């Protein structure tokens, strides 16, 4: 179970970084890095901006939940491995 949550956590971290970099901030963001601004037109409207904000919020919540789960699993000291015997 720990390994599954760890893999999900790593995937969520990479997705969170990518989604944050795609958002247009006050300085323009990195949204134009893909194809000279084509992606800019998709995400430049208010609907695209709201979509990215909602996706960021959902991924951030998943990130927090997986972090808490990993902390709980790693703090359990009474667990024994079935491999080491």
PDB file of N, CA and C in Angstrom:
ATOM      1  N   UNK A   1       0.816  -1.186   0.000  1.00  0.00           N
ATOM      2  CA  UNK A   1       0.000   0.000   0.000  1.00  0.00           C
ATOM      3  C   UNK A   1       0.867   1.260   0.000  1.00  0.00           C
ATOM      4  N   UNK A   2       1.947   1.209   0.751  1.00  0.00           N
ATOM      5  CA  UNK A   2       2.865   2.352   0.829  1.00  0.00           C
ATOM      6  C   UNK A   2       3.451   2.663  -0.544  1.00  0.00           C
ATOM      7  N   UNK A   3       3.838   1.625  -1.273  1.00  0.00           N
ATOM      8  CA  UNK A   3       4.434   1.818  -2.592  1.00  0.00           C
ATOM      9  C   UNK A   3       3.433   2.436  -3.571  1.00  0.00           C
ATOM     10  N   UNK A   4       2.190   1.988  -3.526  1.00  0.00           N
ATOM     11  CA  UNK A   4       1.157   2.539  -4.400  1.00  0.00           C
ATOM     12  C   UNK A   4       0.924   4.024  -4.120  1.00  0.00           C
ATOM     13  N   UNK A   5       0.826   4.380  -2.860  1.00  0.00           N
ATOM     14  CA  UNK A   5       0.627   5.785  -2.497  1.00  0.00           C
ATOM     15  C   UNK A   5       1.855   6.607  -2.875  1.00  0.00           C
ATOM     16  N   UNK A   6       3.025   6.032  -2.727  1.00  0.00           N
ATOM     17  CA  UNK A   6       4.251   6.728  -3.092  1.00  0.00           C
ATOM     18  C   UNK A   6       4.305   7.012  -4.599  1.00  0.00           C
ATOM     19  N   UNK A   7       3.920   6.037  -5.408  1.00  0.00           N
ATOM     20  CA  UNK A   7       3.899   6.223  -6.863  1.00  0.00           C
ATOM     21  C   UNK A   7       2.875   7.289  -7.247  1.00  0.00           C
ATOM     22  N   UNK A   8       1.683   7.233  -6.647  1.00  0.00           N
ATOM     23  CA  UNK A   8       0.667   8.251  -6.911  1.00  0.00           C
ATOM     24  C   UNK A   8       1.176   9.628  -6.503  1.00  0.00           C
ATOM     25  N   UNK A   9       1.880   9.699  -5.382  1.00  0.00           N
ATOM     26  CA  UNK A   9       2.418  10.969  -4.886  1.00  0.00           C
ATOM     27  C   UNK A   9       3.425  11.571  -5.870  1.00  0.00           C
ATOM     28  N   UNK A  10       4.298  10.752  -6.415  1.00  0.00           N
ATOM     29  CA  UNK A  10       5.293  11.246  -7.377  1.00  0.00           C
ATOM     30  C   UNK A  10       4.613  11.744  -8.647  1.00  0.00           C
ATOM     31  N   UNK A  11       3.622  11.000  -9.131  1.00  0.00           N
ATOM     32  CA  UNK A  11       2.887  11.419 -10.334  1.00  0.00           C
ATOM     33  C   UNK A  11       2.162  12.737 -10.082  1.00  0.00           C
ATOM     34  N   UNK A  12       1.539  12.868  -8.911  1.00  0.00           N
ATOM     35  CA  UNK A  12       0.828  14.101  -8.569  1.00  0.00           C
ATOM     36  C   UNK A  12       1.803  15.270  -8.464  1.00  0.00           C
ATOM     37  N   UNK A  13       2.986  15.037  -7.923  1.00  0.00           N
ATOM     38  CA  UNK A  13       3.992  16.106  -7.836  1.00  0.00           C
ATOM     39  C   UNK A  13       4.374  16.614  -9.221  1.00  0.00           C
ATOM     40  N   UNK A  14       4.609  15.705 -10.142  1.00  0.00           N
ATOM     41  CA  UNK A  14       4.981  16.100 -11.503  1.00  0.00           C
ATOM     42  C   UNK A  14       3.829  16.836 -12.180  1.00  0.00           C
ATOM     43  N   UNK A  15       2.606  16.349 -12.017  1.00  0.00           N
ATOM     44  CA  UNK A  15       1.449  17.025 -12.596  1.00  0.00           C
ATOM     45  C   UNK A  15       1.250  18.417 -12.007  1.00  0.00           C
ATOM     46  N   UNK A  16       1.448  18.546 -10.705  1.00  0.00           N
ATOM     47  CA  UNK A  16       1.281  19.839 -10.045  1.00  0.00           C
ATOM     48  C   UNK A  16       2.297  20.852 -10.556  1.00  0.00           C
ATOM     49  N   UNK A  17       3.515  20.428 -10.727  1.00  0.00           N
ATOM     50  CA  UNK A  17       4.540  21.323 -11.269  1.00  0.00           C
ATOM     51  C   UNK A  17       4.167  21.750 -12.688  1.00  0.00           C
ATOM     52  N   UNK A  18       3.748  20.811 -13.506  1.00  0.00           N
ATOM     53  CA  UNK A  18       3.388  21.128 -14.889  1.00  0.00           C
ATOM     54  C   UNK A  18       2.199  22.062 -14.995  1.00  0.00           C
ATOM     55  N   UNK A  19       1.169  21.813 -14.201  1.00  0.00           N
ATOM     56  CA  UNK A  19      -0.029  22.652 -14.248  1.00  0.00           C
ATOM     57  C   UNK A  19       0.278  24.065 -13.759  1.00  0.00           C
ATOM     58  N   UNK A  20       1.089  24.189 -12.731  1.00  0.00           N
ATOM     59  CA  UNK A  20       1.444  25.512 -12.231  1.00  0.00           C
ATOM     60  C   UNK A  20       2.256  26.283 -13.260  1.00  0.00           C
ATOM     61  N   UNK A  21       3.156  25.605 -13.956  1.00  0.00           N
ATOM     62  CA  UNK A  21       3.956  26.287 -14.967  1.00  0.00           C
ATOM     63  C   UNK A  21       3.138  26.694 -16.190  1.00  0.00           C
ATOM     64  N   UNK A  22       2.043  25.991 -16.465  1.00  0.00           N
ATOM     65  CA  UNK A  22       1.203  26.338 -17.606  1.00  0.00           C
ATOM     66  C   UNK A  22       0.332  27.566 -17.352  1.00  0.00           C
ATOM     67  N   UNK A  23       0.085  27.868 -16.088  1.00  0.00           N
ATOM     68  CA  UNK A  23      -0.801  28.984 -15.779  1.00  0.00           C
ATOM     69  C   UNK A  23      -0.145  30.302 -16.124  1.00  0.00           C
ATOM     70  N   UNK A  24      -0.957  31.202 -16.626  1.00  0.00           N
ATOM     71  CA  UNK A  24      -0.481  32.539 -16.944  1.00  0.00           C
ATOM     72  C   UNK A  24      -0.535  33.393 -15.682  1.00  0.00           C
ATOM     73  N   UNK A  25       0.594  33.875 -15.303  1.00  0.00           N
ATOM     74  CA  UNK A  25       0.629  34.748 -14.142  1.00  0.00           C
ATOM     75  C   UNK A  25       0.748  36.187 -14.577  1.00  0.00           C
ATOM     76  N   UNK A  26       1.177  37.034 -13.681  1.00  0.00           N
ATOM     77  CA  UNK A  26       1.357  38.444 -14.007  1.00  0.00           C
ATOM     78  C   UNK A  26       2.514  38.629 -14.979  1.00  0.00           C
ATOM     79  N   UNK A  27       3.453  37.724 -14.980  1.00  0.00           N
ATOM     80  CA  UNK A  27       4.623  37.851 -15.840  1.00  0.00           C
ATOM     81  C   UNK A  27       4.493  37.022 -17.120  1.00  0.00           C
ATOM     82  N   UNK A  28       3.364  36.432 -17.400  1.00  0.00           N
ATOM     83  CA  UNK A  28       3.165  35.724 -18.661  1.00  0.00           C
ATOM     84  C   UNK A  28       3.255  34.222 -18.551  1.00  0.00           C
ATOM     85  N   UNK A  29       3.894  33.667 -17.552  1.00  0.00           N
ATOM     86  CA  UNK A  29       3.971  32.234 -17.356  1.00  0.00           C
ATOM     87  C   UNK A  29       4.769  31.525 -18.432  1.00  0.00           C
ATOM     88  N   UNK A  30       4.727  30.227 -18.413  1.00  0.00           N
ATOM     89  CA  UNK A  30       5.409  29.412 -19.409  1.00  0.00           C
ATOM     90  C   UNK A  30       4.412  28.757 -20.349  1.00  0.00           C
ATOM     91  N   UNK A  31       3.216  29.316 -20.465  1.00  0.00           N
ATOM     92  CA  UNK A  31       2.178  28.729 -21.303  1.00  0.00           C
ATOM     93  C   UNK A  31       2.521  28.751 -22.775  1.00  0.00           C
ATOM     94  N   UNK A  32       3.355  29.685 -23.220  1.00  0.00           N
ATOM     95  CA  UNK A  32       3.700  29.791 -24.622  1.00  0.00           C
ATOM     96  C   UNK A  32       4.850  28.918 -25.051  1.00  0.00           C
ATOM     97  N   UNK A  33       5.325  28.055 -24.180  1.00  0.00           N
ATOM     98  CA  UNK A  33       6.478  27.220 -24.501  1.00  0.00           C
ATOM     99  C   UNK A  33       6.128  26.138 -25.520  1.00  0.00           C
ATOM    100  N   UNK A  34       4.851  25.770 -25.617  1.00  0.00           N
ATOM    101  CA  UNK A  34       4.439  24.706 -26.527  1.00  0.00           C
ATOM    102  C   UNK A  34       3.897  25.296 -27.819  1.00  0.00           C
ATOM    103  N   UNK A  35       4.680  25.347 -28.848  1.00  0.00           N
ATOM    104  CA  UNK A  35       4.204  25.727 -30.162  1.00  0.00           C
ATOM    105  C   UNK A  35       3.985  27.203 -30.397  1.00  0.00           C
ATOM    106  N   UNK A  36       4.703  28.046 -29.747  1.00  0.00           N
ATOM    107  CA  UNK A  36       4.652  29.469 -30.023  1.00  0.00           C
ATOM    108  C   UNK A  36       3.335  30.152 -29.716  1.00  0.00           C
ATOM    109  N   UNK A  37       2.653  29.757 -28.693  1.00  0.00           N
ATOM    110  CA  UNK A  37       1.465  30.475 -28.265  1.00  0.00           C
ATOM    111  C   UNK A  37       0.155  29.807 -28.599  1.00  0.00           C
ATOM    112  N   UNK A  38       0.172  28.662 -29.234  1.00  0.00           N
ATOM    113  CA  UNK A  38      -1.070  27.962 -29.527  1.00  0.00           C
ATOM    114  C   UNK A  38      -1.793  27.555 -28.264  1.00  0.00           C
ATOM    115  N   UNK A  39      -1.035  27.108 -27.302  1.00  0.00           N
ATOM    116  CA  UNK A  39      -1.632  26.716 -26.026  1.00  0.00           C
ATOM    117  C   UNK A  39      -2.071  27.955 -25.269  1.00  0.00           C
ATOM    118  N   UNK A  40      -1.441  29.089 -25.553  1.00  0.00           N
ATOM    119  CA  UNK A  40      -1.817  30.351 -24.930  1.00  0.00           C
ATOM    120  C   UNK A  40      -3.254  30.720 -25.264  1.00  0.00           C
ATOM    121  N   UNK A  41      -3.659  30.479 -26.500  1.00  0.00           N
ATOM    122  CA  UNK A  41      -5.005  30.837 -26.914  1.00  0.00           C
ATOM    123  C   UNK A  41      -6.045  29.966 -26.217  1.00  0.00           C
ATOM    124  N   UNK A  42      -5.686  28.727 -25.945  1.00  0.00           N
ATOM    125  CA  UNK A  42      -6.629  27.822 -25.286  1.00  0.00           C
ATOM    126  C   UNK A  42      -6.832  28.229 -23.839  1.00  0.00           C
ATOM    127  N   UNK A  43      -5.731  28.555 -23.154  1.00  0.00           N
ATOM    128  CA  UNK A  43      -5.802  28.820 -21.728  1.00  0.00           C
ATOM    129  C   UNK A  43      -5.840  30.306 -21.399  1.00  0.00           C
ATOM    130  N   UNK A  44      -5.906  31.194 -22.378  1.00  0.00           N
ATOM    131  CA  UNK A  44      -5.870  32.615 -22.080  1.00  0.00           C
ATOM    132  C   UNK A  44      -7.245  33.177 -21.728  1.00  0.00           C
ATOM    133  N   UNK A  45      -8.301  32.501 -22.134  1.00  0.00           N
ATOM    134  CA  UNK A  45      -9.631  32.993 -21.794  1.00  0.00           C
ATOM    135  C   UNK A  45      -9.911  32.757 -20.322  1.00  0.00           C
ATOM    136  N   UNK A  46     -10.955  33.396 -19.849  1.00  0.00           N
ATOM    137  CA  UNK A  46     -11.290  33.228 -18.432  1.00  0.00           C
ATOM    138  C   UNK A  46     -11.723  31.793 -18.139  1.00  0.00           C
ATOM    139  N   UNK A  47     -12.348  31.120 -19.123  1.00  0.00           N
ATOM    140  CA  UNK A  47     -12.763  29.735 -18.915  1.00  0.00           C
ATOM    141  C   UNK A  47     -11.542  28.825 -18.791  1.00  0.00           C
ATOM    142  N   UNK A  48     -10.538  29.069 -19.628  1.00  0.00           N
ATOM    143  CA  UNK A  48      -9.317  28.265 -19.537  1.00  0.00           C
ATOM    144  C   UNK A  48      -8.573  28.519 -18.255  1.00  0.00           C
ATOM    145  N   UNK A  49      -8.571  29.754 -17.820  1.00  0.00           N
ATOM    146  CA  UNK A  49      -7.910  30.098 -16.572  1.00  0.00           C
ATOM    147  C   UNK A  49      -8.616  29.447 -15.384  1.00  0.00           C
ATOM    148  N   UNK A  50      -9.930  29.471 -15.400  1.00  0.00           N
ATOM    149  CA  UNK A  50     -10.699  28.837 -14.324  1.00  0.00           C
ATOM    150  C   UNK A  50     -10.501  27.322 -14.338  1.00  0.00           C
ATOM    151  N   UNK A  51     -10.409  26.750 -15.531  1.00  0.00           N
ATOM    152  CA  UNK A  51     -10.169  25.310 -15.639  1.00  0.00           C
ATOM    153  C   UNK A  51      -8.832  24.938 -14.997  1.00  0.00           C
ATOM    154  N   UNK A  52      -7.784  25.699 -15.316  1.00  0.00           N
ATOM    155  CA  UNK A  52      -6.473  25.406 -14.745  1.00  0.00           C
ATOM    156  C   UNK A  52      -6.457  25.616 -13.236  1.00  0.00           C
ATOM    157  N   UNK A  53      -7.187  26.597 -12.756  1.00  0.00           N
ATOM    158  CA  UNK A  53      -7.252  26.827 -11.311  1.00  0.00           C
ATOM    159  C   UNK A  53      -7.950  25.676 -10.604  1.00  0.00           C
ATOM    160  N   UNK A  54      -9.028  25.155 -11.212  1.00  0.00           N
ATOM    161  CA  UNK A  54      -9.746  24.029 -10.611  1.00  0.00           C
ATOM    162  C   UNK A  54      -8.899  22.765 -10.627  1.00  0.00           C
ATOM    163  N   UNK A  55      -8.199  22.529 -11.734  1.00  0.00           N
ATOM    164  CA  UNK A  55      -7.320  21.358 -11.821  1.00  0.00           C
ATOM    165  C   UNK A  55      -6.191  21.467 -10.803  1.00  0.00           C
ATOM    166  N   UNK A  56      -5.640  22.668 -10.651  1.00  0.00           N
ATOM    167  CA  UNK A  56      -4.583  22.884  -9.675  1.00  0.00           C
ATOM    168  C   UNK A  56      -5.084  22.614  -8.264  1.00  0.00           C
ATOM    169  N   UNK A  57      -6.279  23.074  -7.954  1.00  0.00           N
ATOM    170  CA  UNK A  57      -6.854  22.849  -6.630  1.00  0.00           C
ATOM    171  C   UNK A  57      -7.057  21.366  -6.364  1.00  0.00           C
ATOM    172  N   UNK A  58      -7.586  20.645  -7.332  1.00  0.00           N
ATOM    173  CA  UNK A  58      -7.829  19.208  -7.161  1.00  0.00           C
ATOM    174  C   UNK A  58      -6.518  18.458  -6.975  1.00  0.00           C
ATOM    175  N   UNK A  59      -5.526  18.775  -7.803  1.00  0.00           N
ATOM    176  CA  UNK A  59      -4.235  18.097  -7.697  1.00  0.00           C
ATOM    177  C   UNK A  59      -3.550  18.463  -6.378  1.00  0.00           C
ATOM    178  N   UNK A  60      -3.697  19.696  -5.916  1.00  0.00           N
ATOM    179  CA  UNK A  60      -3.107  20.099  -4.639  1.00  0.00           C
ATOM    180  C   UNK A  60      -3.753  19.359  -3.474  1.00  0.00           C
ATOM    181  N   UNK A  61      -5.064  19.150  -3.545  1.00  0.00           N
ATOM    182  CA  UNK A  61      -5.748  18.390  -2.489  1.00  0.00           C
ATOM    183  C   UNK A  61      -5.263  16.941  -2.479  1.00  0.00           C
ATOM    184  N   UNK A  62      -5.115  16.345  -3.666  1.00  0.00           N
ATOM    185  CA  UNK A  62      -4.591  14.976  -3.748  1.00  0.00           C
ATOM    186  C   UNK A  62      -3.169  14.919  -3.204  1.00  0.00           C
ATOM    187  N   UNK A  63      -2.362  15.952  -3.501  1.00  0.00           N
ATOM    188  CA  UNK A  63      -0.995  16.026  -2.995  1.00  0.00           C
ATOM    189  C   UNK A  63      -0.979  16.039  -1.467  1.00  0.00           C
ATOM    190  N   UNK A  64      -1.836  16.848  -0.865  1.00  0.00           N
ATOM    191  CA  UNK A  64      -1.886  16.927   0.600  1.00  0.00           C
ATOM    192  C   UNK A  64      -2.336  15.596   1.195  1.00  0.00           C
ATOM    193  N   UNK A  65      -3.339  14.966   0.592  1.00  0.00           N
ATOM    194  CA  UNK A  65      -3.832  13.687   1.106  1.00  0.00           C
ATOM    195  C   UNK A  65      -2.780  12.583   1.002  1.00  0.00           C
ATOM    196  N   UNK A  66      -2.061  12.526  -0.118  1.00  0.00           N
ATOM    197  CA  UNK A  66      -1.017  11.502  -0.243  1.00  0.00           C
ATOM    198  C   UNK A  66       0.143  11.787   0.708  1.00  0.00           C
ATOM    199  N   UNK A  67       0.432  13.067   0.951  1.00  0.00           N
ATOM    200  CA  UNK A  67       1.486  13.406   1.910  1.00  0.00           C
ATOM    201  C   UNK A  67       1.109  12.945   3.313  1.00  0.00           C
ATOM    202  N   UNK A  68      -0.130  13.193   3.701  1.00  0.00           N
ATOM    203  CA  UNK A  68      -0.599  12.755   5.024  1.00  0.00           C
ATOM    204  C   UNK A  68      -0.589  11.240   5.117  1.00  0.00           C
ATOM    205  N   UNK A  69      -1.034  10.564   4.063  1.00  0.00           N
ATOM    206  CA  UNK A  69      -1.053   9.096   4.069  1.00  0.00           C
ATOM    207  C   UNK A  69       0.360   8.529   4.177  1.00  0.00           C
ATOM    208  N   UNK A  70       1.310   9.101   3.442  1.00  0.00           N
ATOM    209  CA  UNK A  70       2.699   8.627   3.532  1.00  0.00           C
ATOM    210  C   UNK A  70       3.276   8.863   4.917  1.00  0.00           C
ATOM    211  N   UNK A  71       2.920   9.979   5.542  1.00  0.00           N
ATOM    212  CA  UNK A  71       3.389  10.266   6.887  1.00  0.00           C
ATOM    213  C   UNK A  71       2.833   9.260   7.882  1.00  0.00           C
ATOM    214  N   UNK A  72       1.556   8.945   7.746  1.00  0.00           N
ATOM    215  CA  UNK A  72       0.934   7.976   8.658  1.00  0.00           C
ATOM    216  C   UNK A  72       1.549   6.600   8.478  1.00  0.00           C
ATOM    217  N   UNK A  73       1.728   6.167   7.232  1.00  0.00           N
ATOM    218  CA  UNK A  73       2.298   4.851   6.987  1.00  0.00           C
ATOM    219  C   UNK A  73       3.749   4.755   7.451  1.00  0.00           C
ATOM    220  N   UNK A  74       4.515   5.815   7.284  1.00  0.00           N
ATOM    221  CA  UNK A  74       5.924   5.751   7.682  1.00  0.00           C
ATOM    222  C   UNK A  74       6.112   5.878   9.183  1.00  0.00           C
ATOM    223  N   UNK A  75       5.122   6.394   9.899  1.00  0.00           N
ATOM    224  CA  UNK A  75       5.269   6.557  11.344  1.00  0.00           C
ATOM    225  C   UNK A  75       4.882   5.315  12.126  1.00  0.00           C
ATOM    226  N   UNK A  76       4.286   4.362  11.483  1.00  0.00           N
ATOM    227  CA  UNK A  76       3.908   3.120  12.171  1.00  0.00           C
ATOM    228  C   UNK A  76       5.151   2.267  12.378  1.00  0.00           C
ATOM    229  N   UNK A  77       5.500   2.076  13.633  1.00  0.00           N
ATOM    230  CA  UNK A  77       6.719   1.323  13.949  1.00  0.00           C
ATOM    231  C   UNK A  77       6.436  -0.143  14.233  1.00  0.00           C
ATOM    232  N   UNK A  78       5.197  -0.494  14.512  1.00  0.00           N
ATOM    233  CA  UNK A  78       4.865  -1.863  14.865  1.00  0.00           C
ATOM    234  C   UNK A  78       4.697  -2.791  13.676  1.00  0.00           C
ATOM    235  N   UNK A  79       4.817  -2.295  12.481  1.00  0.00           N
ATOM    236  CA  UNK A  79       4.631  -3.122  11.304  1.00  0.00           C
ATOM    237  C   UNK A  79       5.906  -3.901  10.985  1.00  0.00           C
ATOM    238  N   UNK A  80       5.717  -5.173  10.637  1.00  0.00           N
ATOM    239  CA  UNK A  80       6.844  -6.009  10.254  1.00  0.00           C
ATOM    240  C   UNK A  80       6.686  -6.407   8.797  1.00  0.00           C
ATOM    241  N   UNK A  81       7.805  -6.554   8.140  1.00  0.00           N
ATOM    242  CA  UNK A  81       7.785  -6.975   6.759  1.00  0.00           C
ATOM    243  C   UNK A  81       7.644  -8.490   6.690  1.00  0.00           C
ATOM    244  N   UNK A  82       6.888  -8.987   5.740  1.00  0.00           N
ATOM    245  CA  UNK A  82       6.763 -10.431   5.576  1.00  0.00           C
ATOM    246  C   UNK A  82       7.930 -10.987   4.790  1.00  0.00           C
ATOM    247  N   UNK A  83       8.741 -10.113   4.181  1.00  0.00           N
ATOM    248  CA  UNK A  83       9.883 -10.554   3.404  1.00  0.00           C
ATOM    249  C   UNK A  83      11.056 -10.873   4.327  1.00  0.00           C
ATOM    250  N   UNK A  84      11.242 -10.069   5.353  1.00  0.00           N
ATOM    251  CA  UNK A  84      12.391 -10.229   6.249  1.00  0.00           C
ATOM    252  C   UNK A  84      11.987 -11.124   7.410  1.00  0.00           C
ATOM    253  N   UNK A  85      12.320 -12.380   7.327  1.00  0.00           N
ATOM    254  CA  UNK A  85      12.086 -13.334   8.417  1.00  0.00           C
ATOM    255  C   UNK A  85      13.115 -14.398   8.389  1.00  0.00           C
TER     256      UNK A  85
END
